[in-house]
């Protein structure tokens, strides 16, 4: 399965909708698309994982890297719309204590900002 990434921007906020599976094959594409956003000062990056069915350790590593980079630039990373399965994965790994995750939507369905 492939991955689809849609990005919307409003000032210092980027909302990204990801769909598909995040694994060793697709994680590099996700990193390539999102890493430049974390290099902006005071960026808020909201990533909706509502349509993500699977994340492996490579995918988790991408989110850890994004978190570290965005924090260096006084930004914030939020993962929203996680399924129960994905939320449990972040809890088991302890990443929910580091990265702001929520099962609740902070954005509308593929909402366009701007």
PDB file of N, CA and C in Angstrom:
ATOM      1  N   UNK A   1       0.835  -1.186   0.000  1.00  0.00           N
ATOM      2  CA  UNK A   1       0.000   0.000   0.000  1.00  0.00           C
ATOM      3  C   UNK A   1       0.877   1.247   0.000  1.00  0.00           C
ATOM      4  N   UNK A   2       0.411   2.273  -0.626  1.00  0.00           N
ATOM      5  CA  UNK A   2       1.140   3.531  -0.713  1.00  0.00           C
ATOM      6  C   UNK A   2       0.643   4.474   0.368  1.00  0.00           C
ATOM      7  N   UNK A   3       1.195   5.654   0.371  1.00  0.00           N
ATOM      8  CA  UNK A   3       0.813   6.670   1.337  1.00  0.00           C
ATOM      9  C   UNK A   3       0.395   7.930   0.583  1.00  0.00           C
ATOM     10  N   UNK A   4      -0.601   8.625   1.106  1.00  0.00           N
ATOM     11  CA  UNK A   4      -1.052   9.878   0.515  1.00  0.00           C
ATOM     12  C   UNK A   4      -0.917  10.961   1.570  1.00  0.00           C
ATOM     13  N   UNK A   5      -0.380  12.110   1.161  1.00  0.00           N
ATOM     14  CA  UNK A   5      -0.129  13.208   2.088  1.00  0.00           C
ATOM     15  C   UNK A   5      -0.692  14.488   1.485  1.00  0.00           C
ATOM     16  N   UNK A   6      -1.630  15.113   2.196  1.00  0.00           N
ATOM     17  CA  UNK A   6      -2.198  16.401   1.777  1.00  0.00           C
ATOM     18  C   UNK A   6      -1.853  17.438   2.827  1.00  0.00           C
ATOM     19  N   UNK A   7      -1.344  18.594   2.381  1.00  0.00           N
ATOM     20  CA  UNK A   7      -0.929  19.639   3.313  1.00  0.00           C
ATOM     21  C   UNK A   7      -1.725  20.917   3.076  1.00  0.00           C
ATOM     22  N   UNK A   8      -2.114  21.556   4.176  1.00  0.00           N
ATOM     23  CA  UNK A   8      -2.780  22.855   4.154  1.00  0.00           C
ATOM     24  C   UNK A   8      -2.051  23.772   5.124  1.00  0.00           C
ATOM     25  N   UNK A   9      -1.983  25.061   4.807  1.00  0.00           N
ATOM     26  CA  UNK A   9      -1.223  26.005   5.615  1.00  0.00           C
ATOM     27  C   UNK A   9      -2.048  27.222   6.000  1.00  0.00           C
ATOM     28  N   UNK A  10      -1.755  27.757   7.183  1.00  0.00           N
ATOM     29  CA  UNK A  10      -2.329  29.015   7.644  1.00  0.00           C
ATOM     30  C   UNK A  10      -1.328  29.643   8.606  1.00  0.00           C
ATOM     31  N   UNK A  11      -0.630  30.663   8.159  1.00  0.00           N
ATOM     32  CA  UNK A  11       0.382  31.342   8.972  1.00  0.00           C
ATOM     33  C   UNK A  11       1.393  30.342   9.503  1.00  0.00           C
ATOM     34  N   UNK A  12       1.441  30.176  10.836  1.00  0.00           N
ATOM     35  CA  UNK A  12       2.430  29.295  11.448  1.00  0.00           C
ATOM     36  C   UNK A  12       1.850  27.924  11.773  1.00  0.00           C
ATOM     37  N   UNK A  13       0.786  27.530  11.081  1.00  0.00           N
ATOM     38  CA  UNK A  13       0.169  26.225  11.302  1.00  0.00           C
ATOM     39  C   UNK A  13       0.104  25.460   9.983  1.00  0.00           C
ATOM     40  N   UNK A  14       0.527  24.215  10.054  1.00  0.00           N
ATOM     41  CA  UNK A  14       0.395  23.314   8.909  1.00  0.00           C
ATOM     42  C   UNK A  14      -0.450  22.130   9.361  1.00  0.00           C
ATOM     43  N   UNK A  15      -1.471  21.831   8.581  1.00  0.00           N
ATOM     44  CA  UNK A  15      -2.305  20.665   8.859  1.00  0.00           C
ATOM     45  C   UNK A  15      -2.057  19.660   7.747  1.00  0.00           C
ATOM     46  N   UNK A  16      -1.690  18.457   8.157  1.00  0.00           N
ATOM     47  CA  UNK A  16      -1.337  17.419   7.204  1.00  0.00           C
ATOM     48  C   UNK A  16      -2.270  16.224   7.405  1.00  0.00           C
ATOM     49  N   UNK A  17      -2.861  15.778   6.309  1.00  0.00           N
ATOM     50  CA  UNK A  17      -3.730  14.604   6.324  1.00  0.00           C
ATOM     51  C   UNK A  17      -2.967  13.455   5.678  1.00  0.00           C
ATOM     52  N   UNK A  18      -2.774  12.392   6.436  1.00  0.00           N
ATOM     53  CA  UNK A  18      -2.030  11.235   5.946  1.00  0.00           C
ATOM     54  C   UNK A  18      -2.998  10.059   5.815  1.00  0.00           C
ATOM     55  N   UNK A  19      -2.890   9.333   4.721  1.00  0.00           N
ATOM     56  CA  UNK A  19      -3.700   8.126   4.564  1.00  0.00           C
ATOM     57  C   UNK A  19      -2.839   7.008   3.995  1.00  0.00           C
ATOM     58  N   UNK A  20      -3.176   5.783   4.400  1.00  0.00           N
ATOM     59  CA  UNK A  20      -2.428   4.616   3.960  1.00  0.00           C
ATOM     60  C   UNK A  20      -1.707   3.958   5.116  1.00  0.00           C
ATOM     61  N   UNK A  21      -0.573   3.364   4.815  1.00  0.00           N
ATOM     62  CA  UNK A  21       0.242   2.691   5.821  1.00  0.00           C
ATOM     63  C   UNK A  21       1.590   3.392   5.924  1.00  0.00           C
ATOM     64  N   UNK A  22       2.077   3.532   7.157  1.00  0.00           N
ATOM     65  CA  UNK A  22       3.387   4.144   7.380  1.00  0.00           C
ATOM     66  C   UNK A  22       4.315   3.018   7.819  1.00  0.00           C
ATOM     67  N   UNK A  23       5.174   2.616   6.891  1.00  0.00           N
ATOM     68  CA  UNK A  23       6.090   1.501   7.149  1.00  0.00           C
ATOM     69  C   UNK A  23       7.456   1.813   6.555  1.00  0.00           C
ATOM     70  N   UNK A  24       8.328   0.833   6.540  1.00  0.00           N
ATOM     71  CA  UNK A  24       9.695   1.046   6.043  1.00  0.00           C
ATOM     72  C   UNK A  24       9.709   1.543   4.599  1.00  0.00           C
ATOM     73  N   UNK A  25       8.704   1.196   3.827  1.00  0.00           N
ATOM     74  CA  UNK A  25       8.635   1.610   2.430  1.00  0.00           C
ATOM     75  C   UNK A  25       8.129   3.042   2.279  1.00  0.00           C
ATOM     76  N   UNK A  26       7.115   3.437   3.070  1.00  0.00           N
ATOM     77  CA  UNK A  26       6.488   4.754   2.902  1.00  0.00           C
ATOM     78  C   UNK A  26       7.025   5.816   3.851  1.00  0.00           C
ATOM     79  N   UNK A  27       7.669   5.407   4.938  1.00  0.00           N
ATOM     80  CA  UNK A  27       8.164   6.373   5.929  1.00  0.00           C
ATOM     81  C   UNK A  27       9.128   7.410   5.341  1.00  0.00           C
ATOM     82  N   UNK A  28      10.040   7.031   4.440  1.00  0.00           N
ATOM     83  CA  UNK A  28      10.927   8.046   3.870  1.00  0.00           C
ATOM     84  C   UNK A  28      10.171   9.162   3.133  1.00  0.00           C
ATOM     85  N   UNK A  29       9.097   8.815   2.452  1.00  0.00           N
ATOM     86  CA  UNK A  29       8.303   9.828   1.761  1.00  0.00           C
ATOM     87  C   UNK A  29       7.646  10.763   2.774  1.00  0.00           C
ATOM     88  N   UNK A  30       7.114  10.201   3.852  1.00  0.00           N
ATOM     89  CA  UNK A  30       6.498  11.023   4.894  1.00  0.00           C
ATOM     90  C   UNK A  30       7.524  11.978   5.487  1.00  0.00           C
ATOM     91  N   UNK A  31       8.694  11.462   5.797  1.00  0.00           N
ATOM     92  CA  UNK A  31       9.760  12.290   6.366  1.00  0.00           C
ATOM     93  C   UNK A  31      10.159  13.400   5.393  1.00  0.00           C
ATOM     94  N   UNK A  32      10.316  13.056   4.133  1.00  0.00           N
ATOM     95  CA  UNK A  32      10.705  14.025   3.107  1.00  0.00           C
ATOM     96  C   UNK A  32       9.674  15.161   2.998  1.00  0.00           C
ATOM     97  N   UNK A  33       8.403  14.824   3.120  1.00  0.00           N
ATOM     98  CA  UNK A  33       7.337  15.822   2.997  1.00  0.00           C
ATOM     99  C   UNK A  33       7.215  16.701   4.240  1.00  0.00           C
ATOM    100  N   UNK A  34       7.420  16.121   5.433  1.00  0.00           N
ATOM    101  CA  UNK A  34       7.142  16.846   6.676  1.00  0.00           C
ATOM    102  C   UNK A  34       8.353  17.502   7.326  1.00  0.00           C
ATOM    103  N   UNK A  35       9.529  16.952   7.137  1.00  0.00           N
ATOM    104  CA  UNK A  35      10.711  17.507   7.801  1.00  0.00           C
ATOM    105  C   UNK A  35      10.939  18.983   7.497  1.00  0.00           C
ATOM    106  N   UNK A  36      10.790  19.434   6.251  1.00  0.00           N
ATOM    107  CA  UNK A  36      10.985  20.871   5.992  1.00  0.00           C
ATOM    108  C   UNK A  36      10.025  21.763   6.802  1.00  0.00           C
ATOM    109  N   UNK A  37       8.846  21.262   7.114  1.00  0.00           N
ATOM    110  CA  UNK A  37       7.891  22.051   7.901  1.00  0.00           C
ATOM    111  C   UNK A  37       8.383  22.260   9.324  1.00  0.00           C
ATOM    112  N   UNK A  38       9.138  21.310   9.855  1.00  0.00           N
ATOM    113  CA  UNK A  38       9.614  21.395  11.237  1.00  0.00           C
ATOM    114  C   UNK A  38      10.783  22.359  11.378  1.00  0.00           C
ATOM    115  N   UNK A  39      11.341  22.790  10.267  1.00  0.00           N
ATOM    116  CA  UNK A  39      12.491  23.681  10.304  1.00  0.00           C
ATOM    117  C   UNK A  39      12.092  25.148  10.390  1.00  0.00           C
ATOM    118  N   UNK A  40      10.789  25.419  10.269  1.00  0.00           N
ATOM    119  CA  UNK A  40      10.279  26.787  10.414  1.00  0.00           C
ATOM    120  C   UNK A  40      10.193  27.134  11.898  1.00  0.00           C
ATOM    121  N   UNK A  41      10.487  28.372  12.242  1.00  0.00           N
ATOM    122  CA  UNK A  41      10.384  28.815  13.629  1.00  0.00           C
ATOM    123  C   UNK A  41       8.928  28.865  14.080  1.00  0.00           C
ATOM    124  N   UNK A  42       8.672  28.333  15.270  1.00  0.00           N
ATOM    125  CA  UNK A  42       7.359  28.382  15.930  1.00  0.00           C
ATOM    126  C   UNK A  42       6.218  27.797  15.099  1.00  0.00           C
ATOM    127  N   UNK A  43       6.519  26.803  14.306  1.00  0.00           N
ATOM    128  CA  UNK A  43       5.503  26.138  13.490  1.00  0.00           C
ATOM    129  C   UNK A  43       4.685  25.191  14.361  1.00  0.00           C
ATOM    130  N   UNK A  44       3.391  25.186  14.147  1.00  0.00           N
ATOM    131  CA  UNK A  44       2.527  24.160  14.732  1.00  0.00           C
ATOM    132  C   UNK A  44       2.185  23.195  13.612  1.00  0.00           C
ATOM    133  N   UNK A  45       2.572  21.955  13.794  1.00  0.00           N
ATOM    134  CA  UNK A  45       2.335  20.914  12.797  1.00  0.00           C
ATOM    135  C   UNK A  45       1.300  19.946  13.356  1.00  0.00           C
ATOM    136  N   UNK A  46       0.128  19.920  12.724  1.00  0.00           N
ATOM    137  CA  UNK A  46      -0.949  19.022  13.130  1.00  0.00           C
ATOM    138  C   UNK A  46      -1.062  17.943  12.061  1.00  0.00           C
ATOM    139  N   UNK A  47      -0.895  16.696  12.481  1.00  0.00           N
ATOM    140  CA  UNK A  47      -0.933  15.578  11.545  1.00  0.00           C
ATOM    141  C   UNK A  47      -2.146  14.710  11.877  1.00  0.00           C
ATOM    142  N   UNK A  48      -3.076  14.630  10.929  1.00  0.00           N
ATOM    143  CA  UNK A  48      -4.258  13.786  11.095  1.00  0.00           C
ATOM    144  C   UNK A  48      -3.946  12.384  10.585  1.00  0.00           C
ATOM    145  N   UNK A  49      -4.112  11.406  11.478  1.00  0.00           N
ATOM    146  CA  UNK A  49      -3.827  10.013  11.136  1.00  0.00           C
ATOM    147  C   UNK A  49      -5.105   9.192  11.012  1.00  0.00           C
ATOM    148  N   UNK A  50      -6.214   9.861  10.789  1.00  0.00           N
ATOM    149  CA  UNK A  50      -7.513   9.198  10.728  1.00  0.00           C
ATOM    150  C   UNK A  50      -7.544   8.079   9.685  1.00  0.00           C
ATOM    151  N   UNK A  51      -6.903   8.286   8.553  1.00  0.00           N
ATOM    152  CA  UNK A  51      -6.937   7.308   7.474  1.00  0.00           C
ATOM    153  C   UNK A  51      -5.664   6.477   7.383  1.00  0.00           C
ATOM    154  N   UNK A  52      -4.918   6.410   8.496  1.00  0.00           N
ATOM    155  CA  UNK A  52      -3.728   5.562   8.554  1.00  0.00           C
ATOM    156  C   UNK A  52      -4.115   4.259   9.229  1.00  0.00           C
ATOM    157  N   UNK A  53      -3.901   3.160   8.537  1.00  0.00           N
ATOM    158  CA  UNK A  53      -4.314   1.855   9.056  1.00  0.00           C
ATOM    159  C   UNK A  53      -3.193   1.120   9.790  1.00  0.00           C
ATOM    160  N   UNK A  54      -1.933   1.566   9.590  1.00  0.00           N
ATOM    161  CA  UNK A  54      -0.810   0.817  10.143  1.00  0.00           C
ATOM    162  C   UNK A  54       0.409   1.723  10.261  1.00  0.00           C
ATOM    163  N   UNK A  55       1.124   1.578  11.382  1.00  0.00           N
ATOM    164  CA  UNK A  55       2.413   2.261  11.566  1.00  0.00           C
ATOM    165  C   UNK A  55       3.377   1.238  12.147  1.00  0.00           C
ATOM    166  N   UNK A  56       4.571   1.127  11.543  1.00  0.00           N
ATOM    167  CA  UNK A  56       5.591   0.244  12.109  1.00  0.00           C
ATOM    168  C   UNK A  56       6.644   1.096  12.828  1.00  0.00           C
ATOM    169  N   UNK A  57       7.700   0.453  13.288  1.00  0.00           N
ATOM    170  CA  UNK A  57       8.722   1.162  14.059  1.00  0.00           C
ATOM    171  C   UNK A  57       9.419   2.245  13.238  1.00  0.00           C
ATOM    172  N   UNK A  58       9.538   2.040  11.951  1.00  0.00           N
ATOM    173  CA  UNK A  58      10.139   3.066  11.093  1.00  0.00           C
ATOM    174  C   UNK A  58       9.264   4.316  11.088  1.00  0.00           C
ATOM    175  N   UNK A  59       7.968   4.122  11.000  1.00  0.00           N
ATOM    176  CA  UNK A  59       7.029   5.240  11.038  1.00  0.00           C
ATOM    177  C   UNK A  59       7.078   5.968  12.368  1.00  0.00           C
ATOM    178  N   UNK A  60       7.141   5.211  13.466  1.00  0.00           N
ATOM    179  CA  UNK A  60       7.256   5.839  14.784  1.00  0.00           C
ATOM    180  C   UNK A  60       8.537   6.671  14.859  1.00  0.00           C
ATOM    181  N   UNK A  61       9.599   6.144  14.280  1.00  0.00           N
ATOM    182  CA  UNK A  61      10.867   6.869  14.263  1.00  0.00           C
ATOM    183  C   UNK A  61      10.779   8.191  13.521  1.00  0.00           C
ATOM    184  N   UNK A  62       9.988   8.228  12.452  1.00  0.00           N
ATOM    185  CA  UNK A  62       9.789   9.479  11.714  1.00  0.00           C
ATOM    186  C   UNK A  62       9.146  10.520  12.629  1.00  0.00           C
ATOM    187  N   UNK A  63       8.122  10.113  13.386  1.00  0.00           N
ATOM    188  CA  UNK A  63       7.447  11.067  14.268  1.00  0.00           C
ATOM    189  C   UNK A  63       8.351  11.538  15.398  1.00  0.00           C
ATOM    190  N   UNK A  64       9.213  10.658  15.914  1.00  0.00           N
ATOM    191  CA  UNK A  64      10.180  11.062  16.932  1.00  0.00           C
ATOM    192  C   UNK A  64      11.144  12.100  16.350  1.00  0.00           C
ATOM    193  N   UNK A  65      11.634  11.853  15.142  1.00  0.00           N
ATOM    194  CA  UNK A  65      12.537  12.801  14.486  1.00  0.00           C
ATOM    195  C   UNK A  65      11.871  14.144  14.221  1.00  0.00           C
ATOM    196  N   UNK A  66      10.621  14.108  13.773  1.00  0.00           N
ATOM    197  CA  UNK A  66       9.877  15.356  13.542  1.00  0.00           C
ATOM    198  C   UNK A  66       9.706  16.117  14.847  1.00  0.00           C
ATOM    199  N   UNK A  67       9.368  15.393  15.914  1.00  0.00           N
ATOM    200  CA  UNK A  67       9.181  16.012  17.222  1.00  0.00           C
ATOM    201  C   UNK A  67      10.460  16.710  17.683  1.00  0.00           C
ATOM    202  N   UNK A  68      11.586  16.022  17.579  1.00  0.00           N
ATOM    203  CA  UNK A  68      12.860  16.597  18.014  1.00  0.00           C
ATOM    204  C   UNK A  68      13.200  17.856  17.218  1.00  0.00           C
ATOM    205  N   UNK A  69      13.019  17.804  15.906  1.00  0.00           N
ATOM    206  CA  UNK A  69      13.350  18.940  15.049  1.00  0.00           C
ATOM    207  C   UNK A  69      12.438  20.131  15.312  1.00  0.00           C
ATOM    208  N   UNK A  70      11.156  19.880  15.470  1.00  0.00           N
ATOM    209  CA  UNK A  70      10.215  20.985  15.668  1.00  0.00           C
ATOM    210  C   UNK A  70      10.433  21.651  17.030  1.00  0.00           C
ATOM    211  N   UNK A  71      10.800  20.863  18.039  1.00  0.00           N
ATOM    212  CA  UNK A  71      11.070  21.423  19.365  1.00  0.00           C
ATOM    213  C   UNK A  71      12.296  22.333  19.338  1.00  0.00           C
ATOM    214  N   UNK A  72      13.300  21.984  18.517  1.00  0.00           N
ATOM    215  CA  UNK A  72      14.499  22.830  18.383  1.00  0.00           C
ATOM    216  C   UNK A  72      14.131  24.229  17.899  1.00  0.00           C
ATOM    217  N   UNK A  73      13.048  24.310  17.131  1.00  0.00           N
ATOM    218  CA  UNK A  73      12.633  25.587  16.540  1.00  0.00           C
ATOM    219  C   UNK A  73      11.402  26.175  17.236  1.00  0.00           C
ATOM    220  N   UNK A  74      11.222  25.787  18.515  1.00  0.00           N
ATOM    221  CA  UNK A  74      10.126  26.314  19.336  1.00  0.00           C
ATOM    222  C   UNK A  74       8.751  26.058  18.735  1.00  0.00           C
ATOM    223  N   UNK A  75       8.612  24.943  18.036  1.00  0.00           N
ATOM    224  CA  UNK A  75       7.329  24.588  17.435  1.00  0.00           C
ATOM    225  C   UNK A  75       6.619  23.512  18.222  1.00  0.00           C
ATOM    226  N   UNK A  76       5.529  23.053  17.648  1.00  0.00           N
ATOM    227  CA  UNK A  76       4.695  22.068  18.323  1.00  0.00           C
ATOM    228  C   UNK A  76       4.207  21.028  17.311  1.00  0.00           C
ATOM    229  N   UNK A  77       4.228  19.764  17.711  1.00  0.00           N
ATOM    230  CA  UNK A  77       3.728  18.666  16.887  1.00  0.00           C
ATOM    231  C   UNK A  77       2.528  18.063  17.582  1.00  0.00           C
ATOM    232  N   UNK A  78       1.417  17.944  16.846  1.00  0.00           N
ATOM    233  CA  UNK A  78       0.208  17.314  17.365  1.00  0.00           C
ATOM    234  C   UNK A  78      -0.227  16.231  16.391  1.00  0.00           C
ATOM    235  N   UNK A  79      -0.481  15.050  16.915  1.00  0.00           N
ATOM    236  CA  UNK A  79      -1.027  13.958  16.112  1.00  0.00           C
ATOM    237  C   UNK A  79      -2.485  13.797  16.529  1.00  0.00           C
ATOM    238  N   UNK A  80      -3.396  13.901  15.567  1.00  0.00           N
ATOM    239  CA  UNK A  80      -4.823  13.868  15.885  1.00  0.00           C
ATOM    240  C   UNK A  80      -5.541  12.795  15.073  1.00  0.00           C
ATOM    241  N   UNK A  81      -6.750  12.496  15.511  1.00  0.00           N
ATOM    242  CA  UNK A  81      -7.625  11.525  14.835  1.00  0.00           C
ATOM    243  C   UNK A  81      -7.023  10.123  14.804  1.00  0.00           C
ATOM    244  N   UNK A  82      -6.348   9.743  15.869  1.00  0.00           N
ATOM    245  CA  UNK A  82      -5.770   8.406  15.930  1.00  0.00           C
ATOM    246  C   UNK A  82      -6.859   7.380  16.222  1.00  0.00           C
ATOM    247  N   UNK A  83      -6.791   6.264  15.538  1.00  0.00           N
ATOM    248  CA  UNK A  83      -7.683   5.150  15.860  1.00  0.00           C
ATOM    249  C   UNK A  83      -7.269   4.598  17.219  1.00  0.00           C
ATOM    250  N   UNK A  84      -8.123   3.802  17.795  1.00  0.00           N
ATOM    251  CA  UNK A  84      -7.812   3.161  19.076  1.00  0.00           C
ATOM    252  C   UNK A  84      -6.529   2.332  18.956  1.00  0.00           C
ATOM    253  N   UNK A  85      -6.384   1.645  17.846  1.00  0.00           N
ATOM    254  CA  UNK A  85      -5.206   0.806  17.620  1.00  0.00           C
ATOM    255  C   UNK A  85      -3.917   1.634  17.589  1.00  0.00           C
ATOM    256  N   UNK A  86      -3.939   2.750  16.859  1.00  0.00           N
ATOM    257  CA  UNK A  86      -2.744   3.595  16.779  1.00  0.00           C
ATOM    258  C   UNK A  86      -2.471   4.278  18.114  1.00  0.00           C
ATOM    259  N   UNK A  87      -3.529   4.699  18.797  1.00  0.00           N
ATOM    260  CA  UNK A  87      -3.354   5.343  20.102  1.00  0.00           C
ATOM    261  C   UNK A  87      -2.669   4.373  21.073  1.00  0.00           C
ATOM    262  N   UNK A  88      -3.108   3.108  21.055  1.00  0.00           N
ATOM    263  CA  UNK A  88      -2.498   2.090  21.918  1.00  0.00           C
ATOM    264  C   UNK A  88      -1.022   1.892  21.582  1.00  0.00           C
ATOM    265  N   UNK A  89      -0.689   1.930  20.299  1.00  0.00           N
ATOM    266  CA  UNK A  89       0.706   1.783  19.888  1.00  0.00           C
ATOM    267  C   UNK A  89       1.570   2.890  20.498  1.00  0.00           C
ATOM    268  N   UNK A  90       1.078   4.120  20.447  1.00  0.00           N
ATOM    269  CA  UNK A  90       1.826   5.234  21.034  1.00  0.00           C
ATOM    270  C   UNK A  90       1.909   5.100  22.556  1.00  0.00           C
ATOM    271  N   UNK A  91       0.871   4.551  23.182  1.00  0.00           N
ATOM    272  CA  UNK A  91       0.896   4.344  24.634  1.00  0.00           C
ATOM    273  C   UNK A  91       1.885   3.245  25.015  1.00  0.00           C
ATOM    274  N   UNK A  92       1.874   2.145  24.288  1.00  0.00           N
ATOM    275  CA  UNK A  92       2.771   1.015  24.581  1.00  0.00           C
ATOM    276  C   UNK A  92       4.233   1.444  24.480  1.00  0.00           C
ATOM    277  N   UNK A  93       4.528   2.274  23.489  1.00  0.00           N
ATOM    278  CA  UNK A  93       5.917   2.722  23.288  1.00  0.00           C
ATOM    279  C   UNK A  93       6.286   3.886  24.194  1.00  0.00           C
ATOM    280  N   UNK A  94       5.301   4.465  24.878  1.00  0.00           N
ATOM    281  CA  UNK A  94       5.558   5.609  25.756  1.00  0.00           C
ATOM    282  C   UNK A  94       5.627   6.938  25.024  1.00  0.00           C
ATOM    283  N   UNK A  95       5.436   6.916  23.713  1.00  0.00           N
ATOM    284  CA  UNK A  95       5.528   8.154  22.938  1.00  0.00           C
ATOM    285  C   UNK A  95       4.380   9.114  23.240  1.00  0.00           C
ATOM    286  N   UNK A  96       3.279   8.602  23.788  1.00  0.00           N
ATOM    287  CA  UNK A  96       2.166   9.480  24.144  1.00  0.00           C
ATOM    288  C   UNK A  96       2.543  10.421  25.287  1.00  0.00           C
ATOM    289  N   UNK A  97       3.602  10.091  26.033  1.00  0.00           N
ATOM    290  CA  UNK A  97       4.083  10.968  27.102  1.00  0.00           C
ATOM    291  C   UNK A  97       4.997  12.064  26.576  1.00  0.00           C
ATOM    292  N   UNK A  98       5.394  11.952  25.330  1.00  0.00           N
ATOM    293  CA  UNK A  98       6.319  12.913  24.719  1.00  0.00           C
ATOM    294  C   UNK A  98       5.617  13.734  23.641  1.00  0.00           C
ATOM    295  N   UNK A  99       4.911  13.046  22.761  1.00  0.00           N
ATOM    296  CA  UNK A  99       4.234  13.692  21.632  1.00  0.00           C
ATOM    297  C   UNK A  99       2.770  13.899  21.984  1.00  0.00           C
ATOM    298  N   UNK A 100       2.248  15.066  21.648  1.00  0.00           N
ATOM    299  CA  UNK A 100       0.840  15.398  21.883  1.00  0.00           C
ATOM    300  C   UNK A 100      -0.019  14.593  20.914  1.00  0.00           C
ATOM    301  N   UNK A 101      -0.764  13.601  21.439  1.00  0.00           N
ATOM    302  CA  UNK A 101      -1.639  12.802  20.586  1.00  0.00           C
ATOM    303  C   UNK A 101      -3.076  12.923  21.073  1.00  0.00           C
ATOM    304  N   UNK A 102      -3.995  12.768  20.152  1.00  0.00           N
ATOM    305  CA  UNK A 102      -5.404  12.866  20.510  1.00  0.00           C
ATOM    306  C   UNK A 102      -6.243  12.019  19.560  1.00  0.00           C
ATOM    307  N   UNK A 103      -7.232  11.356  20.133  1.00  0.00           N
ATOM    308  CA  UNK A 103      -8.200  10.636  19.305  1.00  0.00           C
ATOM    309  C   UNK A 103      -9.216  11.611  18.741  1.00  0.00           C
ATOM    310  N   UNK A 104      -9.265  12.795  19.329  1.00  0.00           N
ATOM    311  CA  UNK A 104     -10.230  13.812  18.929  1.00  0.00           C
ATOM    312  C   UNK A 104      -9.694  14.626  17.765  1.00  0.00           C
ATOM    313  N   UNK A 105     -10.596  15.062  16.935  1.00  0.00           N
ATOM    314  CA  UNK A 105     -10.226  15.884  15.781  1.00  0.00           C
ATOM    315  C   UNK A 105     -10.034  17.328  16.200  1.00  0.00           C
ATOM    316  N   UNK A 106      -8.950  17.913  15.782  1.00  0.00           N
ATOM    317  CA  UNK A 106      -8.746  19.347  15.953  1.00  0.00           C
ATOM    318  C   UNK A 106      -8.919  20.052  14.621  1.00  0.00           C
ATOM    319  N   UNK A 107      -9.208  19.279  13.613  1.00  0.00           N
ATOM    320  CA  UNK A 107      -9.412  19.816  12.260  1.00  0.00           C
ATOM    321  C   UNK A 107     -10.615  19.122  11.652  1.00  0.00           C
ATOM    322  N   UNK A 108     -11.227  19.775  10.687  1.00  0.00           N
ATOM    323  CA  UNK A 108     -12.350  19.157   9.982  1.00  0.00           C
ATOM    324  C   UNK A 108     -11.843  18.144   8.982  1.00  0.00           C
ATOM    325  N   UNK A 109     -12.746  17.445   8.342  1.00  0.00           N
ATOM    326  CA  UNK A 109     -12.361  16.478   7.331  1.00  0.00           C
ATOM    327  C   UNK A 109     -11.731  17.186   6.151  1.00  0.00           C
ATOM    328  N   UNK A 110     -10.423  17.001   6.017  1.00  0.00           N
ATOM    329  CA  UNK A 110      -9.648  17.592   4.922  1.00  0.00           C
ATOM    330  C   UNK A 110      -9.956  19.077   4.738  1.00  0.00           C
ATOM    331  N   UNK A 111     -10.062  19.735   5.888  1.00  0.00           N
ATOM    332  CA  UNK A 111     -10.375  21.157   5.931  1.00  0.00           C
ATOM    333  C   UNK A 111      -9.281  21.967   5.253  1.00  0.00           C
ATOM    334  N   UNK A 112      -9.671  22.917   4.457  1.00  0.00           N
ATOM    335  CA  UNK A 112      -8.709  23.798   3.816  1.00  0.00           C
ATOM    336  C   UNK A 112      -8.572  25.042   4.653  1.00  0.00           C
ATOM    337  N   UNK A 113      -7.361  25.426   4.914  1.00  0.00           N
ATOM    338  CA  UNK A 113      -7.105  26.591   5.743  1.00  0.00           C
ATOM    339  C   UNK A 113      -6.625  27.717   4.847  1.00  0.00           C
ATOM    340  N   UNK A 114      -7.045  28.919   5.199  1.00  0.00           N
ATOM    341  CA  UNK A 114      -6.504  30.054   4.473  1.00  0.00           C
ATOM    342  C   UNK A 114      -7.512  30.870   3.850  1.00  0.00           C
TER     343      UNK A 114
END
